[in-house]
Every structure is written in C-alpha cells, then in structure tokens.
Amino acid sequence: MATGRDFSKTQRKIIDRYYDNQDTIVAQRLGELVTEIFLALGNEKKTNQLWIRAEKALARSGLNKSKIQQVLRDRDLEGLGRLAGQASNGK
C-alpha cells in the first residue's frame, strides 16, 4: 500500500478533493438512505440493514449526537430526513 509520499500530484489532488467534499458525500448518502428505507418498509431484514448503514453515515455527519441517537432509537424516518437536510445545509 502506498503512503502519502508515494502519491503523484494528480492523485493527491483527487484524494484532497474527496476529503474536502466529505460532508456533501455524507449528506447525499443520507438522503438516498431515507428513500431506500421508505421503499423497503415491508421488508424487515432489508430495513434493518439500511438502518445500520444510516447509523454509520450519521456517525460521520458531525450532527448533534443526541438527535442522532433519538432518531436511531425510534427508527424515525421523518427525523432521519430532517437530519439529512441539516447535513446538506451544513448545520
């Protein structure tokens, strides 16, 4: 595996842009998860998997931890949508 010194200038720019846009990537992923969870509401196994993915995405979002815990505990889809909106607004 290459270390930071082994990346070319172009590769380093790509990596830097990815991390510069990490908040946007997480916000977009949360929005997609809201839709996927809504569509999978009849399938408990799929819904459980999606909530686990939502939990991981929320952990990277930097949003209020107590709100995140409440939404995850209640499995509040509307609350997850609000958090996704907050993430996209940068709050």
C-alpha atoms as a PDB file:
ATOM      1  CA  MET A   1       0.000   0.000   0.000  1.00  0.00           C
ATOM      2  CA  ALA A   2       1.325   3.412  -0.906  1.00  0.00           C
ATOM      3  CA  THR A   3       1.971   6.057   1.710  1.00  0.00           C
ATOM      4  CA  GLY A   4       1.180   9.751   1.303  1.00  0.00           C
ATOM      5  CA  ARG A   5       4.630  10.418  -0.123  1.00  0.00           C
ATOM      6  CA  ASP A   6       4.153   7.901  -2.917  1.00  0.00           C
ATOM      7  CA  PHE A   7       1.104   9.576  -4.472  1.00  0.00           C
ATOM      8  CA  SER A   8       1.566  11.638  -7.603  1.00  0.00           C
ATOM      9  CA  LYS A   9       0.499  15.269  -7.586  1.00  0.00           C
ATOM     10  CA  THR A  10      -2.688  14.384  -9.515  1.00  0.00           C
ATOM     11  CA  GLN A  11      -3.551  11.536  -7.159  1.00  0.00           C
ATOM     12  CA  ARG A  12      -3.002  13.797  -4.135  1.00  0.00           C
ATOM     13  CA  LYS A  13      -5.411  16.391  -5.610  1.00  0.00           C
ATOM     14  CA  ILE A  14      -8.075  13.721  -6.132  1.00  0.00           C
ATOM     15  CA  ILE A  15      -7.694  12.490  -2.569  1.00  0.00           C
ATOM     16  CA  ASP A  16      -7.806  16.037  -1.186  1.00  0.00           C
ATOM     17  CA  ARG A  17     -10.977  16.861  -3.141  1.00  0.00           C
ATOM     18  CA  TYR A  18     -12.637  13.717  -1.812  1.00  0.00           C
ATOM     19  CA  TYR A  19     -11.967  14.730   1.774  1.00  0.00           C
ATOM     20  CA  ASP A  20     -12.886  18.369   1.095  1.00  0.00           C
ATOM     21  CA  ASN A  21     -16.306  17.167  -0.093  1.00  0.00           C
ATOM     22  CA  GLN A  22     -16.836  14.503   2.564  1.00  0.00           C
ATOM     23  CA  ASP A  23     -19.730  16.423   4.181  1.00  0.00           C
ATOM     24  CA  THR A  24     -21.556  16.654   0.845  1.00  0.00           C
ATOM     25  CA  ILE A  25     -20.995  12.953   0.193  1.00  0.00           C
ATOM     26  CA  VAL A  26     -22.417  12.025   3.614  1.00  0.00           C
ATOM     27  CA  ALA A  27     -25.433  14.326   3.166  1.00  0.00           C
ATOM     28  CA  GLN A  28     -26.210  12.818  -0.232  1.00  0.00           C
ATOM     29  CA  ARG A  29     -25.861   9.291   1.153  1.00  0.00           C
ATOM     30  CA  LEU A  30     -28.258  10.086   3.998  1.00  0.00           C
ATOM     31  CA  GLY A  31     -30.829  11.372   1.516  1.00  0.00           C
ATOM     32  CA  GLU A  32     -30.506   8.198  -0.523  1.00  0.00           C
ATOM     33  CA  LEU A  33     -30.907   6.079   2.610  1.00  0.00           C
ATOM     34  CA  VAL A  34     -34.157   7.860   3.516  1.00  0.00           C
ATOM     35  CA  THR A  35     -35.569   6.871   0.138  1.00  0.00           C
ATOM     36  CA  GLU A  36     -34.254   3.313   0.326  1.00  0.00           C
ATOM     37  CA  ILE A  37     -35.664   2.789   3.837  1.00  0.00           C
ATOM     38  CA  PHE A  38     -39.057   4.120   2.774  1.00  0.00           C
ATOM     39  CA  LEU A  39     -39.152   1.763  -0.206  1.00  0.00           C
ATOM     40  CA  ALA A  40     -38.083  -1.207   1.940  1.00  0.00           C
ATOM     41  CA  LEU A  41     -40.617  -0.686   4.754  1.00  0.00           C
ATOM     42  CA  GLY A  42     -42.343  -4.021   4.075  1.00  0.00           C
ATOM     43  CA  ASN A  43     -39.079  -5.962   4.236  1.00  0.00           C
ATOM     44  CA  GLU A  44     -37.813  -6.054   7.842  1.00  0.00           C
ATOM     45  CA  LYS A  45     -34.434  -7.620   7.020  1.00  0.00           C
ATOM     46  CA  LYS A  46     -33.640  -5.031   4.345  1.00  0.00           C
ATOM     47  CA  THR A  47     -34.885  -2.206   6.575  1.00  0.00           C
ATOM     48  CA  ASN A  48     -32.611  -3.345   9.416  1.00  0.00           C
ATOM     49  CA  GLN A  49     -29.597  -3.386   7.089  1.00  0.00           C
ATOM     50  CA  LEU A  50     -30.411   0.111   5.829  1.00  0.00           C
ATOM     51  CA  TRP A  51     -30.759   1.491   9.362  1.00  0.00           C
ATOM     52  CA  ILE A  52     -27.316   0.100  10.175  1.00  0.00           C
ATOM     53  CA  ARG A  53     -25.926   1.910   7.133  1.00  0.00           C
ATOM     54  CA  ALA A  54     -27.750   5.071   8.200  1.00  0.00           C
ATOM     55  CA  GLU A  55     -26.168   4.812  11.645  1.00  0.00           C
ATOM     56  CA  LYS A  56     -22.695   4.630  10.074  1.00  0.00           C
ATOM     57  CA  ALA A  57     -23.399   7.601   7.808  1.00  0.00           C
ATOM     58  CA  LEU A  58     -24.782   9.648  10.708  1.00  0.00           C
ATOM     59  CA  ALA A  59     -21.661   8.909  12.738  1.00  0.00           C
ATOM     60  CA  ARG A  60     -19.606  10.623  10.010  1.00  0.00           C
ATOM     61  CA  SER A  61     -22.018  13.550   9.648  1.00  0.00           C
ATOM     62  CA  GLY A  62     -20.924  15.624  12.634  1.00  0.00           C
ATOM     63  CA  LEU A  63     -24.541  16.360  13.603  1.00  0.00           C
ATOM     64  CA  ASN A  64     -25.939  16.580  17.132  1.00  0.00           C
ATOM     65  CA  LYS A  65     -25.297  13.224  18.817  1.00  0.00           C
ATOM     66  CA  SER A  66     -28.449  13.288  20.963  1.00  0.00           C
ATOM     67  CA  LYS A  67     -30.668  13.893  17.909  1.00  0.00           C
ATOM     68  CA  ILE A  68     -28.920  11.089  16.061  1.00  0.00           C
ATOM     69  CA  GLN A  69     -29.417   8.676  18.963  1.00  0.00           C
ATOM     70  CA  GLN A  70     -33.086   9.593  19.258  1.00  0.00           C
ATOM     71  CA  VAL A  71     -33.753   9.083  15.538  1.00  0.00           C
ATOM     72  CA  LEU A  72     -31.932   5.748  15.542  1.00  0.00           C
ATOM     73  CA  ARG A  73     -33.622   4.546  18.744  1.00  0.00           C
ATOM     74  CA  ASP A  74     -37.101   5.406  17.435  1.00  0.00           C
ATOM     75  CA  ARG A  75     -36.271   4.464  13.839  1.00  0.00           C
ATOM     76  CA  ASP A  76     -37.891   7.752  12.908  1.00  0.00           C
ATOM     77  CA  LEU A  77     -37.766   8.012   9.125  1.00  0.00           C
ATOM     78  CA  GLU A  78     -39.046  11.584   9.132  1.00  0.00           C
ATOM     79  CA  GLY A  79     -36.388  12.515  11.687  1.00  0.00           C
ATOM     80  CA  LEU A  80     -33.747  10.869   9.512  1.00  0.00           C
ATOM     81  CA  GLY A  81     -34.952  13.020   6.627  1.00  0.00           C
ATOM     82  CA  ARG A  82     -34.614  16.143   8.769  1.00  0.00           C
ATOM     83  CA  LEU A  83     -31.074  15.136   9.754  1.00  0.00           C
ATOM     84  CA  ALA A  84     -30.225  14.548   6.094  1.00  0.00           C
ATOM     85  CA  GLY A  85     -31.482  18.048   5.325  1.00  0.00           C
ATOM     86  CA  GLN A  86     -29.417  19.509   8.148  1.00  0.00           C
ATOM     87  CA  ALA A  87     -26.340  17.670   6.880  1.00  0.00           C
ATOM     88  CA  SER A  88     -26.839  19.079   3.387  1.00  0.00           C
ATOM     89  CA  ASN A  89     -27.236  22.579   4.805  1.00  0.00           C
ATOM     90  CA  GLY A  90     -24.032  22.179   6.785  1.00  0.00           C
ATOM     91  CA  LYS A  91     -25.592  22.555  10.240  1.00  0.00           C
END
